Amino acid sequence: MADQKIGQLLDSLGVTVDLDEGDMPTDAHVIMKVVKADGAVSLVKAASESLDWITTLGMLTAALKIENDGYVNSRDDEG
């Protein structure tokens, strides 16, 4: 299996993200479900080149928390 750029693949799957004007994405961690030619299902992961394992773990932990509990931006609650 060879490494492949996945930007166009993510576009074809309809993956989008909500970014505000001026936001600057710095890292990405992607988890993808893949159905193999023989019908087997697997998970693959990819990360941006600069993403270290500590940040990866933090991003995964935060994603699980958001998925399980929802997300509330504390700045939006001020006021």
Protein backbone atom coordinates (compact mmCIF):
# COMPACT_ATOMS: atom_id res chain seq x y z
CA MET A 1 0.00 0.00 0.00
CA ALA A 2 1.41 3.39 -0.98
CA ASP A 3 0.91 6.70 0.81
CA GLN A 4 -1.61 8.92 -0.98
CA LYS A 5 -2.61 12.56 -0.63
CA ILE A 6 -6.21 12.56 0.63
CA GLY A 7 -7.43 16.13 0.16
CA GLN A 8 -9.42 15.32 -2.97
CA LEU A 9 -10.71 12.11 -1.41
CA LEU A 10 -11.99 14.00 1.63
CA ASP A 11 -13.64 16.50 -0.72
CA SER A 12 -15.37 13.67 -2.60
CA LEU A 13 -16.68 12.27 0.71
CA GLY A 14 -18.19 15.67 1.51
CA VAL A 15 -15.97 16.41 4.50
CA THR A 16 -16.30 20.04 5.61
CA VAL A 17 -15.23 22.09 8.60
CA ASP A 18 -16.67 25.25 10.13
CA LEU A 19 -13.94 27.92 10.15
CA ASP A 20 -14.25 31.63 10.83
CA GLU A 21 -12.55 34.33 8.75
CA GLY A 22 -8.91 34.51 9.81
CA ASP A 23 -8.80 31.01 11.35
CA MET A 24 -5.55 29.23 10.51
CA PRO A 25 -5.59 25.42 10.58
CA THR A 26 -2.21 24.14 11.78
CA ASP A 27 -2.55 20.36 12.08
CA ALA A 28 -4.88 17.58 11.03
CA HIS A 29 -5.57 14.05 12.21
CA VAL A 30 -7.85 11.95 10.03
CA ILE A 31 -9.47 8.62 10.87
CA MET A 32 -11.03 6.88 7.89
CA LYS A 33 -13.14 3.75 7.53
CA VAL A 34 -12.02 1.72 4.51
CA VAL A 35 -13.73 -1.23 2.85
CA LYS A 36 -11.06 -3.38 1.24
CA ALA A 37 -11.49 -5.11 -2.14
CA ASP A 38 -12.22 -8.41 -0.34
CA GLY A 39 -14.98 -6.76 1.74
CA ALA A 40 -12.95 -6.49 4.94
CA VAL A 41 -13.48 -3.27 6.87
CA SER A 42 -10.60 -1.46 8.53
CA LEU A 43 -9.63 1.89 10.01
CA VAL A 44 -6.71 3.91 8.76
CA LYS A 45 -5.29 7.11 10.16
CA ALA A 46 -3.30 9.96 8.75
CA ALA A 47 -1.79 13.09 10.22
CA SER A 48 -0.17 16.27 9.01
CA GLU A 49 3.63 16.14 8.87
CA SER A 50 4.21 18.41 11.86
CA LEU A 51 1.74 16.66 14.19
CA ASP A 52 3.55 15.11 17.17
CA TRP A 53 2.18 12.24 19.23
CA ILE A 54 1.36 14.41 22.25
CA THR A 55 -0.80 16.77 20.20
CA THR A 56 -2.36 13.78 18.40
CA LEU A 57 -3.36 12.25 21.73
CA GLY A 58 -4.76 15.58 22.91
CA MET A 59 -6.77 16.04 19.71
CA LEU A 60 -8.19 12.50 19.94
CA THR A 61 -9.07 12.95 23.62
CA ALA A 62 -10.78 16.28 22.90
CA ALA A 63 -12.66 14.79 19.94
CA LEU A 64 -13.98 11.94 22.12
CA LYS A 65 -15.11 14.44 24.77
CA ILE A 66 -16.90 16.56 22.16
CA GLU A 67 -18.54 13.51 20.53
CA ASN A 68 -19.70 12.14 23.88
CA ASP A 69 -20.69 15.34 25.69
CA GLY A 70 -21.08 18.05 23.06
CA TYR A 71 -19.09 21.26 22.94
CA VAL A 72 -19.80 24.61 24.49
CA ASN A 73 -17.42 27.50 23.82
CA SER A 74 -17.02 29.20 27.20
CA ARG A 75 -16.41 32.55 25.43
CA ASP A 76 -19.91 32.28 23.92
CA ASP A 77 -21.40 31.87 27.42
CA GLU A 78 -19.83 35.04 28.80
CA GLY A 79 -21.82 38.06 28.91
